[in-house]
Amino acid sequence: MVSNVHFTKDDGDPFDDPENYIRLVGKLNYLTVTRPDIAYAVNVVNQLMSTSTIKHWTTLEHILCYLKRARSLRIVYSNHRHTCIKGFADADWAGSKIDRRSTTGYCVFVGGNLVS
């Protein structure tokens, strides 16, 4: 999902099966523990659960297609022979068009391996 694409609560016609939408978002939310590459996209569709539309469901389908194509992606840990801790953060101040909240992200490396 492109980070500069913005969704609103009234992005078209409502989705006809909101329970299915909620169930799929919950499963994807659990999957973000082992697949942090989908965390941003799942966070966006998670915020729109109460007012899901057909456009939001299409976004969920795109996430599933990405997961099918990227099955071999995984986090690999290796020994870099040091235990240096490095952290990085980024923020998009008031970037959400829905509620003007900020989007932030961070990553922490220990010994050159991503841990959070």
N, C-alpha and C. Protein backbone atom coordinates (compact mmCIF):
# COMPACT_ATOMS: atom_id res chain seq x y z
N MET A 1 0.84 -1.17 0.00
CA MET A 1 0.00 0.00 0.00
C MET A 1 0.89 1.23 0.00
N VAL A 2 0.58 2.16 -0.84
CA VAL A 2 1.34 3.40 -0.93
C VAL A 2 0.99 4.26 0.27
N SER A 3 2.01 4.81 0.93
CA SER A 3 1.76 5.53 2.18
C SER A 3 1.06 6.87 1.98
N ASN A 4 1.06 7.42 0.78
CA ASN A 4 0.39 8.72 0.59
C ASN A 4 -1.05 8.58 0.09
N VAL A 5 -1.58 7.36 0.02
CA VAL A 5 -2.98 7.15 -0.33
C VAL A 5 -3.82 7.33 0.94
N HIS A 6 -4.83 8.17 0.86
CA HIS A 6 -5.65 8.46 2.03
C HIS A 6 -7.07 7.95 1.81
N PHE A 7 -7.60 7.32 2.83
CA PHE A 7 -8.97 6.84 2.80
C PHE A 7 -9.81 7.66 3.76
N THR A 8 -11.09 7.75 3.47
CA THR A 8 -12.03 8.40 4.38
C THR A 8 -13.14 7.41 4.70
N LYS A 9 -13.94 7.75 5.70
CA LYS A 9 -15.01 6.85 6.12
C LYS A 9 -16.14 6.75 5.10
N ASP A 10 -16.24 7.72 4.21
CA ASP A 10 -17.30 7.69 3.21
C ASP A 10 -16.72 7.57 1.80
N ASP A 11 -15.91 6.53 1.60
CA ASP A 11 -15.27 6.28 0.31
C ASP A 11 -16.14 5.42 -0.60
N GLY A 12 -17.37 5.75 -0.77
CA GLY A 12 -18.22 5.00 -1.68
C GLY A 12 -19.28 4.18 -0.97
N ASP A 13 -19.76 3.16 -1.67
CA ASP A 13 -20.85 2.32 -1.17
C ASP A 13 -20.39 1.46 0.00
N PRO A 14 -21.25 1.26 1.00
CA PRO A 14 -20.88 0.41 2.14
C PRO A 14 -20.71 -1.05 1.71
N PHE A 15 -19.80 -1.74 2.40
CA PHE A 15 -19.56 -3.15 2.13
C PHE A 15 -20.71 -3.95 2.71
N ASP A 16 -21.19 -4.95 1.96
CA ASP A 16 -22.41 -5.66 2.35
C ASP A 16 -22.21 -6.71 3.45
N ASP A 17 -20.96 -7.08 3.77
CA ASP A 17 -20.71 -8.10 4.80
C ASP A 17 -19.65 -7.59 5.78
N PRO A 18 -20.01 -6.67 6.67
CA PRO A 18 -19.01 -6.08 7.58
C PRO A 18 -18.39 -7.10 8.53
N GLU A 19 -19.11 -8.17 8.87
CA GLU A 19 -18.53 -9.18 9.77
C GLU A 19 -17.34 -9.89 9.11
N ASN A 20 -17.46 -10.17 7.82
CA ASN A 20 -16.36 -10.78 7.08
C ASN A 20 -15.16 -9.83 7.02
N TYR A 21 -15.42 -8.54 6.82
CA TYR A 21 -14.37 -7.53 6.80
C TYR A 21 -13.64 -7.51 8.14
N ILE A 22 -14.38 -7.47 9.23
CA ILE A 22 -13.79 -7.42 10.57
C ILE A 22 -12.98 -8.68 10.85
N ARG A 23 -13.49 -9.84 10.45
CA ARG A 23 -12.79 -11.11 10.66
C ARG A 23 -11.46 -11.14 9.91
N LEU A 24 -11.46 -10.69 8.65
CA LEU A 24 -10.24 -10.69 7.86
C LEU A 24 -9.22 -9.70 8.40
N VAL A 25 -9.66 -8.52 8.82
CA VAL A 25 -8.75 -7.53 9.39
C VAL A 25 -8.12 -8.08 10.67
N GLY A 26 -8.91 -8.78 11.47
CA GLY A 26 -8.37 -9.38 12.69
C GLY A 26 -7.29 -10.40 12.40
N LYS A 27 -7.50 -11.22 11.38
CA LYS A 27 -6.49 -12.22 11.01
C LYS A 27 -5.23 -11.55 10.48
N LEU A 28 -5.40 -10.50 9.68
CA LEU A 28 -4.23 -9.79 9.17
C LEU A 28 -3.50 -9.06 10.29
N ASN A 29 -4.25 -8.56 11.26
CA ASN A 29 -3.64 -7.89 12.41
C ASN A 29 -2.75 -8.86 13.17
N TYR A 30 -3.19 -10.08 13.34
CA TYR A 30 -2.39 -11.10 14.01
C TYR A 30 -1.15 -11.43 13.17
N LEU A 31 -1.30 -11.43 11.86
CA LEU A 31 -0.20 -11.77 10.97
C LEU A 31 0.92 -10.73 10.99
N THR A 32 0.62 -9.51 11.36
CA THR A 32 1.65 -8.47 11.38
C THR A 32 2.76 -8.76 12.39
N VAL A 33 2.53 -9.68 13.32
CA VAL A 33 3.58 -10.05 14.28
C VAL A 33 4.77 -10.66 13.53
N THR A 34 4.48 -11.50 12.55
CA THR A 34 5.55 -12.16 11.79
C THR A 34 5.80 -11.51 10.43
N ARG A 35 4.91 -10.63 10.01
CA ARG A 35 5.08 -9.95 8.72
C ARG A 35 4.95 -8.44 8.92
N PRO A 36 5.98 -7.78 9.45
CA PRO A 36 5.88 -6.33 9.70
C PRO A 36 5.77 -5.51 8.42
N ASP A 37 6.04 -6.10 7.26
CA ASP A 37 5.93 -5.37 6.00
C ASP A 37 4.49 -4.97 5.66
N ILE A 38 3.50 -5.61 6.29
CA ILE A 38 2.11 -5.26 6.01
C ILE A 38 1.49 -4.45 7.15
N ALA A 39 2.29 -4.08 8.15
CA ALA A 39 1.75 -3.43 9.35
C ALA A 39 1.06 -2.10 9.03
N TYR A 40 1.65 -1.28 8.17
CA TYR A 40 1.04 0.01 7.86
C TYR A 40 -0.31 -0.17 7.15
N ALA A 41 -0.34 -1.02 6.15
CA ALA A 41 -1.58 -1.22 5.39
C ALA A 41 -2.68 -1.80 6.28
N VAL A 42 -2.32 -2.75 7.14
CA VAL A 42 -3.31 -3.34 8.03
C VAL A 42 -3.80 -2.31 9.05
N ASN A 43 -2.92 -1.44 9.50
CA ASN A 43 -3.32 -0.37 10.42
C ASN A 43 -4.35 0.54 9.77
N VAL A 44 -4.15 0.87 8.51
CA VAL A 44 -5.09 1.76 7.81
C VAL A 44 -6.47 1.11 7.69
N VAL A 45 -6.53 -0.15 7.24
CA VAL A 45 -7.84 -0.80 7.09
C VAL A 45 -8.46 -1.10 8.45
N ASN A 46 -7.64 -1.25 9.48
CA ASN A 46 -8.14 -1.46 10.84
C ASN A 46 -8.89 -0.23 11.34
N GLN A 47 -8.41 0.95 11.01
CA GLN A 47 -9.06 2.19 11.44
C GLN A 47 -10.41 2.39 10.78
N LEU A 48 -10.66 1.70 9.68
CA LEU A 48 -11.90 1.89 8.92
C LEU A 48 -12.90 0.76 9.12
N MET A 49 -12.72 -0.05 10.16
CA MET A 49 -13.59 -1.21 10.37
C MET A 49 -15.04 -0.83 10.61
N SER A 50 -15.29 0.25 11.32
CA SER A 50 -16.66 0.59 11.68
C SER A 50 -17.48 1.08 10.49
N THR A 51 -16.81 1.57 9.46
CA THR A 51 -17.51 2.09 8.27
C THR A 51 -16.88 1.51 7.01
N SER A 52 -16.82 0.20 6.91
CA SER A 52 -16.16 -0.42 5.77
C SER A 52 -16.95 -0.22 4.48
N THR A 53 -16.22 0.07 3.41
CA THR A 53 -16.83 0.26 2.10
C THR A 53 -16.23 -0.75 1.12
N ILE A 54 -16.77 -0.78 -0.08
CA ILE A 54 -16.26 -1.68 -1.11
C ILE A 54 -14.81 -1.33 -1.45
N LYS A 55 -14.48 -0.05 -1.44
CA LYS A 55 -13.10 0.38 -1.71
C LYS A 55 -12.15 -0.15 -0.63
N HIS A 56 -12.58 -0.14 0.62
CA HIS A 56 -11.75 -0.67 1.71
C HIS A 56 -11.57 -2.17 1.56
N TRP A 57 -12.62 -2.88 1.15
CA TRP A 57 -12.52 -4.33 0.93
C TRP A 57 -11.53 -4.62 -0.21
N THR A 58 -11.56 -3.80 -1.26
CA THR A 58 -10.62 -3.97 -2.36
C THR A 58 -9.18 -3.82 -1.87
N THR A 59 -8.97 -2.91 -0.93
CA THR A 59 -7.64 -2.75 -0.34
C THR A 59 -7.23 -4.01 0.41
N LEU A 60 -8.17 -4.63 1.13
CA LEU A 60 -7.87 -5.90 1.80
C LEU A 60 -7.49 -6.98 0.79
N GLU A 61 -8.17 -7.01 -0.34
CA GLU A 61 -7.84 -7.98 -1.38
C GLU A 61 -6.43 -7.73 -1.93
N HIS A 62 -6.03 -6.47 -2.04
CA HIS A 62 -4.68 -6.14 -2.50
C HIS A 62 -3.63 -6.64 -1.50
N ILE A 63 -3.93 -6.51 -0.22
CA ILE A 63 -3.00 -7.01 0.81
C ILE A 63 -2.86 -8.52 0.69
N LEU A 64 -3.97 -9.22 0.48
CA LEU A 64 -3.92 -10.68 0.33
C LEU A 64 -3.13 -11.09 -0.91
N CYS A 65 -3.30 -10.36 -2.00
CA CYS A 65 -2.54 -10.66 -3.22
C CYS A 65 -1.05 -10.43 -2.99
N TYR A 66 -0.71 -9.37 -2.28
CA TYR A 66 0.70 -9.10 -1.95
C TYR A 66 1.27 -10.26 -1.13
N LEU A 67 0.52 -10.72 -0.13
CA LEU A 67 0.99 -11.82 0.70
C LEU A 67 1.20 -13.09 -0.11
N LYS A 68 0.32 -13.32 -1.07
CA LYS A 68 0.46 -14.52 -1.91
C LYS A 68 1.71 -14.44 -2.77
N ARG A 69 2.01 -13.26 -3.31
CA ARG A 69 3.19 -13.09 -4.16
C ARG A 69 4.49 -13.05 -3.36
N ALA A 70 4.42 -12.62 -2.11
CA ALA A 70 5.63 -12.41 -1.30
C ALA A 70 5.76 -13.45 -0.20
N ARG A 71 5.41 -14.68 -0.50
CA ARG A 71 5.48 -15.74 0.52
C ARG A 71 6.88 -15.99 1.01
N SER A 72 7.88 -15.77 0.19
CA SER A 72 9.26 -16.09 0.57
C SER A 72 9.91 -15.00 1.42
N LEU A 73 9.28 -13.84 1.55
CA LEU A 73 9.86 -12.78 2.38
C LEU A 73 9.78 -13.15 3.84
N ARG A 74 10.86 -12.91 4.55
CA ARG A 74 10.88 -13.19 5.97
C ARG A 74 12.01 -12.40 6.60
N ILE A 75 11.98 -12.30 7.91
CA ILE A 75 13.06 -11.64 8.64
C ILE A 75 14.14 -12.66 8.92
N VAL A 76 15.37 -12.33 8.56
CA VAL A 76 16.50 -13.22 8.78
C VAL A 76 17.42 -12.59 9.80
N TYR A 77 17.77 -13.34 10.83
CA TYR A 77 18.70 -12.88 11.84
C TYR A 77 20.05 -13.52 11.60
N SER A 78 21.10 -12.71 11.71
CA SER A 78 22.45 -13.25 11.55
C SER A 78 23.38 -12.62 12.58
N ASN A 79 24.51 -13.24 12.79
CA ASN A 79 25.47 -12.79 13.78
C ASN A 79 26.40 -11.76 13.15
N HIS A 80 26.29 -10.51 13.61
CA HIS A 80 27.14 -9.44 13.10
C HIS A 80 28.30 -9.15 14.04
N ARG A 81 28.45 -9.96 15.06
CA ARG A 81 29.55 -9.90 16.01
C ARG A 81 29.60 -8.60 16.81
N HIS A 82 28.44 -8.00 17.02
CA HIS A 82 28.35 -6.85 17.93
C HIS A 82 26.94 -6.79 18.51
N THR A 83 26.77 -6.05 19.58
CA THR A 83 25.45 -5.93 20.22
C THR A 83 25.02 -4.47 20.29
N CYS A 84 25.44 -3.69 19.33
CA CYS A 84 25.09 -2.27 19.28
C CYS A 84 23.57 -2.12 19.06
N ILE A 85 22.96 -1.22 19.80
CA ILE A 85 21.52 -0.96 19.68
C ILE A 85 21.32 0.36 18.93
N LYS A 86 20.54 0.32 17.85
CA LYS A 86 20.25 1.52 17.06
C LYS A 86 18.74 1.63 16.89
N GLY A 87 18.23 2.83 16.97
CA GLY A 87 16.81 3.07 16.78
C GLY A 87 16.57 4.19 15.79
N PHE A 88 15.50 4.08 15.03
CA PHE A 88 15.13 5.08 14.04
C PHE A 88 13.63 5.35 14.17
N ALA A 89 13.24 6.60 13.96
CA ALA A 89 11.82 6.96 14.05
C ALA A 89 11.48 7.95 12.94
N ASP A 90 10.21 7.95 12.57
CA ASP A 90 9.72 8.89 11.56
C ASP A 90 8.28 9.25 11.92
N ALA A 91 7.86 10.43 11.51
CA ALA A 91 6.50 10.87 11.82
C ALA A 91 5.94 11.69 10.67
N ASP A 92 4.64 11.55 10.47
CA ASP A 92 3.90 12.35 9.50
C ASP A 92 2.89 13.15 10.31
N TRP A 93 3.25 14.36 10.67
CA TRP A 93 2.44 15.15 11.59
C TRP A 93 1.11 15.53 10.97
N ALA A 94 0.03 15.13 11.61
CA ALA A 94 -1.35 15.44 11.19
C ALA A 94 -1.61 14.98 9.76
N GLY A 95 -1.07 13.83 9.38
CA GLY A 95 -1.19 13.34 8.01
C GLY A 95 -2.49 12.63 7.70
N SER A 96 -3.25 12.22 8.71
CA SER A 96 -4.49 11.51 8.46
C SER A 96 -5.59 12.49 8.08
N LYS A 97 -6.23 12.25 6.94
CA LYS A 97 -7.31 13.14 6.51
C LYS A 97 -8.60 12.87 7.28
N ILE A 98 -8.66 11.73 7.96
CA ILE A 98 -9.87 11.38 8.71
C ILE A 98 -9.95 12.19 10.00
N ASP A 99 -8.89 12.14 10.81
CA ASP A 99 -8.95 12.78 12.13
C ASP A 99 -7.75 13.68 12.43
N ARG A 100 -6.92 13.96 11.42
CA ARG A 100 -5.75 14.84 11.54
C ARG A 100 -4.75 14.34 12.58
N ARG A 101 -4.71 13.05 12.82
CA ARG A 101 -3.72 12.48 13.73
C ARG A 101 -2.43 12.22 12.97
N SER A 102 -1.39 12.04 13.73
CA SER A 102 -0.08 11.78 13.15
C SER A 102 0.13 10.28 12.94
N THR A 103 0.91 9.96 11.91
CA THR A 103 1.32 8.59 11.68
C THR A 103 2.79 8.50 12.04
N THR A 104 3.13 7.61 12.94
CA THR A 104 4.52 7.46 13.34
C THR A 104 4.97 6.03 13.13
N GLY A 105 6.25 5.88 13.01
CA GLY A 105 6.82 4.55 12.87
C GLY A 105 8.21 4.53 13.46
N TYR A 106 8.65 3.36 13.86
CA TYR A 106 9.98 3.24 14.41
C TYR A 106 10.52 1.84 14.15
N CYS A 107 11.81 1.70 14.26
CA CYS A 107 12.44 0.38 14.19
C CYS A 107 13.65 0.39 15.10
N VAL A 108 13.88 -0.76 15.73
CA VAL A 108 15.00 -0.93 16.64
C VAL A 108 15.84 -2.12 16.16
N PHE A 109 17.13 -1.89 16.07
CA PHE A 109 18.06 -2.95 15.67
C PHE A 109 18.96 -3.28 16.84
N VAL A 110 19.17 -4.55 17.10
CA VAL A 110 20.13 -5.01 18.10
C VAL A 110 21.12 -5.90 17.38
N GLY A 111 22.37 -5.50 17.41
CA GLY A 111 23.40 -6.28 16.72
C GLY A 111 23.18 -6.35 15.22
N GLY A 112 22.57 -5.33 14.65
CA GLY A 112 22.32 -5.31 13.21
C GLY A 112 21.07 -6.06 12.79
N ASN A 113 20.31 -6.62 13.73
CA ASN A 113 19.08 -7.37 13.43
C ASN A 113 17.85 -6.59 13.90
N LEU A 114 16.85 -6.52 13.05
CA LEU A 114 15.61 -5.84 13.40
C LEU A 114 14.86 -6.63 14.46
N VAL A 115 14.55 -5.97 15.59
CA VAL A 115 13.82 -6.66 16.67
C VAL A 115 12.48 -6.01 16.96
N SER A 116 12.28 -4.76 16.57
CA SER A 116 11.00 -4.11 16.85
C SER A 116 10.77 -3.00 15.84
